[in-house]
Amino acid sequence: MTEDQFQSLKSMIEAMSARMEARFEQVDRRFEQVDKRFEHVDERLTGIDKDLMRIDAVLATKPDTGAIYAVAFTMMVGTVGMVFGAVLVANALGWLN
């Protein structure tokens, strides 16, 4: 192997390494974005959980009120929808990689 071939191979390897490092940084930024989104969803779910606990306390005192049951059901369906949406966002970001 001549010196020119060696230098050519070396520069090609360095270029590949730089491209791989840039790609890893891009993937890392996407994971950070997903992590922030999950933190936001977790905060929302925590708020919904607090609301559900308040509703549960009301249900304990007035178990025959149909409107309260409807609100609780609507909030639970909303929670499931948010979790489903978060999973879809995570999958979509995974497919983009």
PDB file of N, CA and C in Angstrom:
ATOM      1  N   MET A   1       0.859  -1.174   0.000  1.00  0.00           N
ATOM      2  CA  MET A   1       0.000   0.000   0.000  1.00  0.00           C
ATOM      3  C   MET A   1       0.901   1.231   0.000  1.00  0.00           C
ATOM      4  N   THR A   2       0.654   2.103  -0.919  1.00  0.00           N
ATOM      5  CA  THR A   2       1.465   3.316  -1.014  1.00  0.00           C
ATOM      6  C   THR A   2       0.965   4.348  -0.016  1.00  0.00           C
ATOM      7  N   GLU A   3       1.767   5.362   0.157  1.00  0.00           N
ATOM      8  CA  GLU A   3       1.418   6.436   1.094  1.00  0.00           C
ATOM      9  C   GLU A   3       0.153   7.162   0.637  1.00  0.00           C
ATOM     10  N   ASP A   4       0.010   7.375  -0.668  1.00  0.00           N
ATOM     11  CA  ASP A   4      -1.187   8.047  -1.194  1.00  0.00           C
ATOM     12  C   ASP A   4      -2.442   7.222  -0.934  1.00  0.00           C
ATOM     13  N   GLN A   5      -2.336   5.913  -1.135  1.00  0.00           N
ATOM     14  CA  GLN A   5      -3.484   5.040  -0.869  1.00  0.00           C
ATOM     15  C   GLN A   5      -3.839   5.062   0.613  1.00  0.00           C
ATOM     16  N   PHE A   6      -2.810   5.029   1.441  1.00  0.00           N
ATOM     17  CA  PHE A   6      -3.037   5.057   2.883  1.00  0.00           C
ATOM     18  C   PHE A   6      -3.730   6.353   3.299  1.00  0.00           C
ATOM     19  N   GLN A   7      -3.250   7.481   2.798  1.00  0.00           N
ATOM     20  CA  GLN A   7      -3.852   8.775   3.141  1.00  0.00           C
ATOM     21  C   GLN A   7      -5.287   8.863   2.621  1.00  0.00           C
ATOM     22  N   SER A   8      -5.523   8.323   1.436  1.00  0.00           N
ATOM     23  CA  SER A   8      -6.871   8.318   0.866  1.00  0.00           C
ATOM     24  C   SER A   8      -7.813   7.486   1.729  1.00  0.00           C
ATOM     25  N   LEU A   9      -7.352   6.314   2.133  1.00  0.00           N
ATOM     26  CA  LEU A   9      -8.154   5.447   2.993  1.00  0.00           C
ATOM     27  C   LEU A   9      -8.401   6.105   4.342  1.00  0.00           C
ATOM     28  N   LYS A  10      -7.367   6.727   4.880  1.00  0.00           N
ATOM     29  CA  LYS A  10      -7.486   7.402   6.171  1.00  0.00           C
ATOM     30  C   LYS A  10      -8.505   8.540   6.096  1.00  0.00           C
ATOM     31  N   SER A  11      -8.459   9.345   5.053  1.00  0.00           N
ATOM     32  CA  SER A  11      -9.403  10.462   4.932  1.00  0.00           C
ATOM     33  C   SER A  11     -10.827   9.951   4.718  1.00  0.00           C
ATOM     34  N   MET A  12     -10.968   8.834   3.992  1.00  0.00           N
ATOM     35  CA  MET A  12     -12.293   8.255   3.792  1.00  0.00           C
ATOM     36  C   MET A  12     -12.869   7.763   5.117  1.00  0.00           C
ATOM     37  N   ILE A  13     -12.052   7.125   5.929  1.00  0.00           N
ATOM     38  CA  ILE A  13     -12.496   6.639   7.239  1.00  0.00           C
ATOM     39  C   ILE A  13     -12.859   7.813   8.144  1.00  0.00           C
ATOM     40  N   GLU A  14     -12.067   8.874   8.126  1.00  0.00           N
ATOM     41  CA  GLU A  14     -12.371  10.052   8.941  1.00  0.00           C
ATOM     42  C   GLU A  14     -13.679  10.705   8.506  1.00  0.00           C
ATOM     43  N   ALA A  15     -13.929  10.753   7.199  1.00  0.00           N
ATOM     44  CA  ALA A  15     -15.183  11.330   6.697  1.00  0.00           C
ATOM     45  C   ALA A  15     -16.377  10.485   7.124  1.00  0.00           C
ATOM     46  N   MET A  16     -16.235   9.163   7.043  1.00  0.00           N
ATOM     47  CA  MET A  16     -17.316   8.275   7.482  1.00  0.00           C
ATOM     48  C   MET A  16     -17.569   8.448   8.968  1.00  0.00           C
ATOM     49  N   SER A  17     -16.508   8.567   9.731  1.00  0.00           N
ATOM     50  CA  SER A  17     -16.635   8.751  11.174  1.00  0.00           C
ATOM     51  C   SER A  17     -17.360  10.056  11.489  1.00  0.00           C
ATOM     52  N   ALA A  18     -17.030  11.112  10.773  1.00  0.00           N
ATOM     53  CA  ALA A  18     -17.689  12.406  10.999  1.00  0.00           C
ATOM     54  C   ALA A  18     -19.168  12.329  10.645  1.00  0.00           C
ATOM     55  N   ARG A  19     -19.504  11.638   9.541  1.00  0.00           N
ATOM     56  CA  ARG A  19     -20.918  11.497   9.165  1.00  0.00           C
ATOM     57  C   ARG A  19     -21.684  10.690  10.202  1.00  0.00           C
ATOM     58  N   MET A  20     -21.060   9.619  10.693  1.00  0.00           N
ATOM     59  CA  MET A  20     -21.721   8.798  11.710  1.00  0.00           C
ATOM     60  C   MET A  20     -21.928   9.598  12.989  1.00  0.00           C
ATOM     61  N   GLU A  21     -20.934  10.371  13.378  1.00  0.00           N
ATOM     62  CA  GLU A  21     -21.062  11.183  14.589  1.00  0.00           C
ATOM     63  C   GLU A  21     -22.175  12.214  14.431  1.00  0.00           C
ATOM     64  N   ALA A  22     -22.276  12.836  13.266  1.00  0.00           N
ATOM     65  CA  ALA A  22     -23.343  13.813  13.022  1.00  0.00           C
ATOM     66  C   ALA A  22     -24.703  13.131  13.078  1.00  0.00           C
ATOM     67  N   ARG A  23     -24.803  11.933  12.531  1.00  0.00           N
ATOM     68  CA  ARG A  23     -26.077  11.195  12.560  1.00  0.00           C
ATOM     69  C   ARG A  23     -26.442  10.830  13.994  1.00  0.00           C
ATOM     70  N   PHE A  24     -25.479  10.380  14.777  1.00  0.00           N
ATOM     71  CA  PHE A  24     -25.749  10.050  16.175  1.00  0.00           C
ATOM     72  C   PHE A  24     -26.218  11.281  16.943  1.00  0.00           C
ATOM     73  N   GLU A  25     -25.629  12.433  16.665  1.00  0.00           N
ATOM     74  CA  GLU A  25     -26.065  13.665  17.327  1.00  0.00           C
ATOM     75  C   GLU A  25     -27.493  14.014  16.928  1.00  0.00           C
ATOM     76  N   GLN A  26     -27.825  13.809  15.664  1.00  0.00           N
ATOM     77  CA  GLN A  26     -29.188  14.070  15.195  1.00  0.00           C
ATOM     78  C   GLN A  26     -30.183  13.136  15.893  1.00  0.00           C
ATOM     79  N   VAL A  27     -29.843  11.866  15.981  1.00  0.00           N
ATOM     80  CA  VAL A  27     -30.712  10.902  16.662  1.00  0.00           C
ATOM     81  C   VAL A  27     -30.839  11.262  18.135  1.00  0.00           C
ATOM     82  N   ASP A  28     -29.739  11.684  18.751  1.00  0.00           N
ATOM     83  CA  ASP A  28     -29.767  12.076  20.159  1.00  0.00           C
ATOM     84  C   ASP A  28     -30.698  13.263  20.372  1.00  0.00           C
ATOM     85  N   ARG A  29     -30.667  14.245  19.468  1.00  0.00           N
ATOM     86  CA  ARG A  29     -31.573  15.395  19.583  1.00  0.00           C
ATOM     87  C   ARG A  29     -33.028  14.955  19.448  1.00  0.00           C
ATOM     88  N   ARG A  30     -33.288  14.020  18.554  1.00  0.00           N
ATOM     89  CA  ARG A  30     -34.665  13.533  18.407  1.00  0.00           C
ATOM     90  C   ARG A  30     -35.125  12.817  19.668  1.00  0.00           C
ATOM     91  N   PHE A  31     -34.251  12.025  20.260  1.00  0.00           N
ATOM     92  CA  PHE A  31     -34.619  11.360  21.505  1.00  0.00           C
ATOM     93  C   PHE A  31     -34.887  12.380  22.610  1.00  0.00           C
ATOM     94  N   GLU A  32     -34.113  13.449  22.643  1.00  0.00           N
ATOM     95  CA  GLU A  32     -34.357  14.501  23.628  1.00  0.00           C
ATOM     96  C   GLU A  32     -35.721  15.144  23.395  1.00  0.00           C
ATOM     97  N   GLN A  33     -36.090  15.367  22.125  1.00  0.00           N
ATOM     98  CA  GLN A  33     -37.405  15.926  21.817  1.00  0.00           C
ATOM     99  C   GLN A  33     -38.514  14.990  22.279  1.00  0.00           C
ATOM    100  N   VAL A  34     -38.344  13.697  22.000  1.00  0.00           N
ATOM    101  CA  VAL A  34     -39.351  12.717  22.416  1.00  0.00           C
ATOM    102  C   VAL A  34     -39.445  12.681  23.931  1.00  0.00           C
ATOM    103  N   ASP A  35     -38.287  12.743  24.601  1.00  0.00           N
ATOM    104  CA  ASP A  35     -38.275  12.730  26.061  1.00  0.00           C
ATOM    105  C   ASP A  35     -39.025  13.934  26.615  1.00  0.00           C
ATOM    106  N   LYS A  36     -38.834  15.114  26.021  1.00  0.00           N
ATOM    107  CA  LYS A  36     -39.556  16.305  26.474  1.00  0.00           C
ATOM    108  C   LYS A  36     -41.050  16.148  26.246  1.00  0.00           C
ATOM    109  N   ARG A  37     -41.416  15.550  25.109  1.00  0.00           N
ATOM    110  CA  ARG A  37     -42.841  15.336  24.844  1.00  0.00           C
ATOM    111  C   ARG A  37     -43.442  14.376  25.856  1.00  0.00           C
ATOM    112  N   PHE A  38     -42.715  13.313  26.189  1.00  0.00           N
ATOM    113  CA  PHE A  38     -43.222  12.384  27.186  1.00  0.00           C
ATOM    114  C   PHE A  38     -43.322  13.042  28.562  1.00  0.00           C
ATOM    115  N   GLU A  39     -42.374  13.920  28.886  1.00  0.00           N
ATOM    116  CA  GLU A  39     -42.465  14.651  30.149  1.00  0.00           C
ATOM    117  C   GLU A  39     -43.717  15.524  30.162  1.00  0.00           C
ATOM    118  N   HIS A  40     -43.997  16.171  29.031  1.00  0.00           N
ATOM    119  CA  HIS A  40     -45.200  17.005  28.932  1.00  0.00           C
ATOM    120  C   HIS A  40     -46.454  16.143  29.092  1.00  0.00           C
ATOM    121  N   VAL A  41     -46.477  14.987  28.424  1.00  0.00           N
ATOM    122  CA  VAL A  41     -47.625  14.082  28.550  1.00  0.00           C
ATOM    123  C   VAL A  41     -47.753  13.603  29.991  1.00  0.00           C
ATOM    124  N   ASP A  42     -46.623  13.309  30.625  1.00  0.00           N
ATOM    125  CA  ASP A  42     -46.654  12.861  32.018  1.00  0.00           C
ATOM    126  C   ASP A  42     -47.228  13.945  32.923  1.00  0.00           C
ATOM    127  N   GLU A  43     -46.849  15.203  32.675  1.00  0.00           N
ATOM    128  CA  GLU A  43     -47.409  16.302  33.466  1.00  0.00           C
ATOM    129  C   GLU A  43     -48.917  16.395  33.264  1.00  0.00           C
ATOM    130  N   ARG A  44     -49.348  16.261  32.016  1.00  0.00           N
ATOM    131  CA  ARG A  44     -50.785  16.312  31.724  1.00  0.00           C
ATOM    132  C   ARG A  44     -51.516  15.157  32.401  1.00  0.00           C
ATOM    133  N   LEU A  45     -50.918  13.961  32.334  1.00  0.00           N
ATOM    134  CA  LEU A  45     -51.550  12.802  32.967  1.00  0.00           C
ATOM    135  C   LEU A  45     -51.595  12.957  34.479  1.00  0.00           C
ATOM    136  N   THR A  46     -50.580  13.581  35.053  1.00  0.00           N
ATOM    137  CA  THR A  46     -50.592  13.842  36.495  1.00  0.00           C
ATOM    138  C   THR A  46     -51.743  14.774  36.841  1.00  0.00           C
ATOM    139  N   GLY A  47     -51.942  15.808  36.028  1.00  0.00           N
ATOM    140  CA  GLY A  47     -53.066  16.717  36.249  1.00  0.00           C
ATOM    141  C   GLY A  47     -54.396  16.005  36.114  1.00  0.00           C
ATOM    142  N   ILE A  48     -54.502  15.136  35.112  1.00  0.00           N
ATOM    143  CA  ILE A  48     -55.743  14.380  34.925  1.00  0.00           C
ATOM    144  C   ILE A  48     -55.961  13.435  36.094  1.00  0.00           C
ATOM    145  N   ASP A  49     -54.886  12.827  36.576  1.00  0.00           N
ATOM    146  CA  ASP A  49     -55.000  11.932  37.726  1.00  0.00           C
ATOM    147  C   ASP A  49     -55.522  12.683  38.944  1.00  0.00           C
ATOM    148  N   LYS A  50     -55.037  13.902  39.151  1.00  0.00           N
ATOM    149  CA  LYS A  50     -55.541  14.711  40.267  1.00  0.00           C
ATOM    150  C   LYS A  50     -57.020  15.014  40.083  1.00  0.00           C
ATOM    151  N   ASP A  51     -57.406  15.340  38.836  1.00  0.00           N
ATOM    152  CA  ASP A  51     -58.823  15.590  38.561  1.00  0.00           C
ATOM    153  C   ASP A  51     -59.662  14.349  38.832  1.00  0.00           C
ATOM    154  N   LEU A  52     -59.160  13.202  38.420  1.00  0.00           N
ATOM    155  CA  LEU A  52     -59.893  11.955  38.660  1.00  0.00           C
ATOM    156  C   LEU A  52     -60.013  11.658  40.149  1.00  0.00           C
ATOM    157  N   MET A  53     -58.989  12.002  40.920  1.00  0.00           N
ATOM    158  CA  MET A  53     -59.066  11.795  42.370  1.00  0.00           C
ATOM    159  C   MET A  53     -60.137  12.698  42.971  1.00  0.00           C
ATOM    160  N   ARG A  54     -60.234  13.943  42.463  1.00  0.00           N
ATOM    161  CA  ARG A  54     -61.289  14.840  42.936  1.00  0.00           C
ATOM    162  C   ARG A  54     -62.663  14.296  42.561  1.00  0.00           C
ATOM    163  N   ILE A  55     -62.769  13.791  41.347  1.00  0.00           N
ATOM    164  CA  ILE A  55     -64.045  13.217  40.914  1.00  0.00           C
ATOM    165  C   ILE A  55     -64.389  12.001  41.757  1.00  0.00           C
ATOM    166  N   ASP A  56     -63.388  11.194  42.058  1.00  0.00           N
ATOM    167  CA  ASP A  56     -63.619  10.016  42.894  1.00  0.00           C
ATOM    168  C   ASP A  56     -64.128  10.422  44.271  1.00  0.00           C
ATOM    169  N   ALA A  57     -63.578  11.509  44.810  1.00  0.00           N
ATOM    170  CA  ALA A  57     -64.055  11.989  46.112  1.00  0.00           C
ATOM    171  C   ALA A  57     -65.512  12.434  46.014  1.00  0.00           C
ATOM    172  N   VAL A  58     -65.871  13.091  44.912  1.00  0.00           N
ATOM    173  CA  VAL A  58     -67.265  13.508  44.725  1.00  0.00           C
ATOM    174  C   VAL A  58     -68.157  12.289  44.549  1.00  0.00           C
ATOM    175  N   LEU A  59     -67.693  11.318  43.787  1.00  0.00           N
ATOM    176  CA  LEU A  59     -68.485  10.107  43.575  1.00  0.00           C
ATOM    177  C   LEU A  59     -68.725   9.358  44.881  1.00  0.00           C
ATOM    178  N   ALA A  60     -67.766   9.439  45.787  1.00  0.00           N
ATOM    179  CA  ALA A  60     -67.928   8.766  47.074  1.00  0.00           C
ATOM    180  C   ALA A  60     -69.052   9.407  47.880  1.00  0.00           C
ATOM    181  N   THR A  61     -69.256  10.701  47.700  1.00  0.00           N
ATOM    182  CA  THR A  61     -70.324  11.367  48.457  1.00  0.00           C
ATOM    183  C   THR A  61     -71.656  11.351  47.721  1.00  0.00           C
ATOM    184  N   LYS A  62     -71.632  11.317  46.383  1.00  0.00           N
ATOM    185  CA  LYS A  62     -72.868  11.322  45.597  1.00  0.00           C
ATOM    186  C   LYS A  62     -72.789  10.249  44.506  1.00  0.00           C
ATOM    187  N   PRO A  63     -72.934   9.006  44.871  1.00  0.00           N
ATOM    188  CA  PRO A  63     -72.764   7.951  43.880  1.00  0.00           C
ATOM    189  C   PRO A  63     -73.900   7.838  42.861  1.00  0.00           C
ATOM    190  N   ASP A  64     -75.023   8.527  43.073  1.00  0.00           N
ATOM    191  CA  ASP A  64     -76.155   8.385  42.164  1.00  0.00           C
ATOM    192  C   ASP A  64     -76.213   9.466  41.090  1.00  0.00           C
ATOM    193  N   THR A  65     -75.266  10.372  41.060  1.00  0.00           N
ATOM    194  CA  THR A  65     -75.317  11.474  40.106  1.00  0.00           C
ATOM    195  C   THR A  65     -74.751  11.009  38.766  1.00  0.00           C
ATOM    196  N   GLY A  66     -75.627  10.931  37.757  1.00  0.00           N
ATOM    197  CA  GLY A  66     -75.230  10.436  36.438  1.00  0.00           C
ATOM    198  C   GLY A  66     -74.279  11.365  35.712  1.00  0.00           C
ATOM    199  N   ALA A  67     -74.426  12.673  35.904  1.00  0.00           N
ATOM    200  CA  ALA A  67     -73.560  13.630  35.216  1.00  0.00           C
ATOM    201  C   ALA A  67     -72.111  13.477  35.665  1.00  0.00           C
ATOM    202  N   ILE A  68     -71.909  13.191  36.927  1.00  0.00           N
ATOM    203  CA  ILE A  68     -70.547  13.022  37.444  1.00  0.00           C
ATOM    204  C   ILE A  68     -69.912  11.780  36.822  1.00  0.00           C
ATOM    205  N   TYR A  69     -70.701  10.721  36.705  1.00  0.00           N
ATOM    206  CA  TYR A  69     -70.175   9.520  36.052  1.00  0.00           C
ATOM    207  C   TYR A  69     -69.804   9.812  34.595  1.00  0.00           C
ATOM    208  N   ALA A  70     -70.619  10.608  33.925  1.00  0.00           N
ATOM    209  CA  ALA A  70     -70.333  10.954  32.532  1.00  0.00           C
ATOM    210  C   ALA A  70     -69.030  11.741  32.424  1.00  0.00           C
ATOM    211  N   VAL A  71     -68.820  12.682  33.332  1.00  0.00           N
ATOM    212  CA  VAL A  71     -67.582  13.470  33.328  1.00  0.00           C
ATOM    213  C   VAL A  71     -66.380  12.563  33.593  1.00  0.00           C
ATOM    214  N   ALA A  72     -66.502  11.673  34.568  1.00  0.00           N
ATOM    215  CA  ALA A  72     -65.401  10.763  34.885  1.00  0.00           C
ATOM    216  C   ALA A  72     -65.082   9.873  33.686  1.00  0.00           C
ATOM    217  N   PHE A  73     -66.126   9.366  33.041  1.00  0.00           N
ATOM    218  CA  PHE A  73     -65.911   8.519  31.870  1.00  0.00           C
ATOM    219  C   PHE A  73     -65.230   9.304  30.751  1.00  0.00           C
ATOM    220  N   THR A  74     -65.678  10.531  30.524  1.00  0.00           N
ATOM    221  CA  THR A  74     -65.086  11.369  29.482  1.00  0.00           C
ATOM    222  C   THR A  74     -63.613  11.635  29.772  1.00  0.00           C
ATOM    223  N   MET A  75     -63.278  11.906  31.018  1.00  0.00           N
ATOM    224  CA  MET A  75     -61.879  12.170  31.372  1.00  0.00           C
ATOM    225  C   MET A  75     -61.030  10.911  31.212  1.00  0.00           C
ATOM    226  N   MET A  76     -61.582   9.755  31.568  1.00  0.00           N
ATOM    227  CA  MET A  76     -60.824   8.517  31.404  1.00  0.00           C
ATOM    228  C   MET A  76     -60.583   8.228  29.922  1.00  0.00           C
ATOM    229  N   VAL A  77     -61.597   8.456  29.097  1.00  0.00           N
ATOM    230  CA  VAL A  77     -61.431   8.253  27.657  1.00  0.00           C
ATOM    231  C   VAL A  77     -60.386   9.230  27.113  1.00  0.00           C
ATOM    232  N   GLY A  78     -60.402  10.465  27.605  1.00  0.00           N
ATOM    233  CA  GLY A  78     -59.396  11.446  27.195  1.00  0.00           C
ATOM    234  C   GLY A  78     -57.993  11.020  27.584  1.00  0.00           C
ATOM    235  N   THR A  79     -57.854  10.442  28.760  1.00  0.00           N
ATOM    236  CA  THR A  79     -56.547   9.962  29.216  1.00  0.00           C
ATOM    237  C   THR A  79     -56.043   8.853  28.300  1.00  0.00           C
ATOM    238  N   VAL A  80     -56.913   7.923  27.996  1.00  0.00           N
ATOM    239  CA  VAL A  80     -56.526   6.829  27.097  1.00  0.00           C
ATOM    240  C   VAL A  80     -56.148   7.399  25.729  1.00  0.00           C
ATOM    241  N   GLY A  81     -56.888   8.382  25.260  1.00  0.00           N
ATOM    242  CA  GLY A  81     -56.577   9.013  23.978  1.00  0.00           C
ATOM    243  C   GLY A  81     -55.226   9.695  23.991  1.00  0.00           C
ATOM    244  N   MET A  82     -54.891  10.357  25.092  1.00  0.00           N
ATOM    245  CA  MET A  82     -53.587  11.028  25.189  1.00  0.00           C
ATOM    246  C   MET A  82     -52.450  10.010  25.179  1.00  0.00           C
ATOM    247  N   VAL A  83     -52.624   8.915  25.913  1.00  0.00           N
ATOM    248  CA  VAL A  83     -51.589   7.879  25.937  1.00  0.00           C
ATOM    249  C   VAL A  83     -51.430   7.282  24.538  1.00  0.00           C
ATOM    250  N   PHE A  84     -52.553   7.001  23.884  1.00  0.00           N
ATOM    251  CA  PHE A  84     -52.508   6.461  22.526  1.00  0.00           C
ATOM    252  C   PHE A  84     -51.809   7.441  21.591  1.00  0.00           C
ATOM    253  N   GLY A  85     -52.117   8.721  21.725  1.00  0.00           N
ATOM    254  CA  GLY A  85     -51.472   9.743  20.901  1.00  0.00           C
ATOM    255  C   GLY A  85     -49.980   9.823  21.155  1.00  0.00           C
ATOM    256  N   ALA A  86     -49.574   9.716  22.416  1.00  0.00           N
ATOM    257  CA  ALA A  86     -48.147   9.759  22.746  1.00  0.00           C
ATOM    258  C   ALA A  86     -47.419   8.569  22.124  1.00  0.00           C
ATOM    259  N   VAL A  87     -48.054   7.410  22.153  1.00  0.00           N
ATOM    260  CA  VAL A  87     -47.451   6.222  21.543  1.00  0.00           C
ATOM    261  C   VAL A  87     -47.337   6.411  20.035  1.00  0.00           C
ATOM    262  N   LEU A  88     -48.364   6.990  19.416  1.00  0.00           N
ATOM    263  CA  LEU A  88     -48.304   7.244  17.974  1.00  0.00           C
ATOM    264  C   LEU A  88     -47.186   8.223  17.630  1.00  0.00           C
ATOM    265  N   VAL A  89     -47.020   9.269  18.442  1.00  0.00           N
ATOM    266  CA  VAL A  89     -45.947  10.241  18.195  1.00  0.00           C
ATOM    267  C   VAL A  89     -44.587   9.559  18.310  1.00  0.00           C
ATOM    268  N   ALA A  90     -44.424   8.736  19.338  1.00  0.00           N
ATOM    269  CA  ALA A  90     -43.151   8.038  19.523  1.00  0.00           C
ATOM    270  C   ALA A  90     -42.876   7.096  18.349  1.00  0.00           C
ATOM    271  N   ASN A  91     -43.908   6.388  17.904  1.00  0.00           N
ATOM    272  CA  ASN A  91     -43.726   5.489  16.759  1.00  0.00           C
ATOM    273  C   ASN A  91     -43.409   6.267  15.493  1.00  0.00           C
ATOM    274  N   ALA A  92     -44.082   7.392  15.298  1.00  0.00           N
ATOM    275  CA  ALA A  92     -43.827   8.204  14.106  1.00  0.00           C
ATOM    276  C   ALA A  92     -42.392   8.715  14.106  1.00  0.00           C
ATOM    277  N   LEU A  93     -41.911   9.158  15.246  1.00  0.00           N
ATOM    278  CA  LEU A  93     -40.526   9.622  15.324  1.00  0.00           C
ATOM    279  C   LEU A  93     -39.558   8.462  15.115  1.00  0.00           C
ATOM    280  N   GLY A  94     -39.940   7.297  15.586  1.00  0.00           N
ATOM    281  CA  GLY A  94     -39.112   6.116  15.360  1.00  0.00           C
ATOM    282  C   GLY A  94     -39.047   5.754  13.889  1.00  0.00           C
ATOM    283  N   TRP A  95     -40.166   5.904  13.189  1.00  0.00           N
ATOM    284  CA  TRP A  95     -40.184   5.599  11.757  1.00  0.00           C
ATOM    285  C   TRP A  95     -39.376   6.614  10.971  1.00  0.00           C
ATOM    286  N   LEU A  96     -39.293   7.852  11.460  1.00  0.00           N
ATOM    287  CA  LEU A  96     -38.532   8.869  10.745  1.00  0.00           C
ATOM    288  C   LEU A  96     -37.038   8.587  10.791  1.00  0.00           C
ATOM    289  N   ASN A  97     -36.610   7.876  11.825  1.00  0.00           N
ATOM    290  CA  ASN A  97     -35.182   7.558  11.917  1.00  0.00           C
ATOM    291  C   ASN A  97     -34.936   6.457  10.985  1.00  0.00           C
TER     292      ASN A  97
END
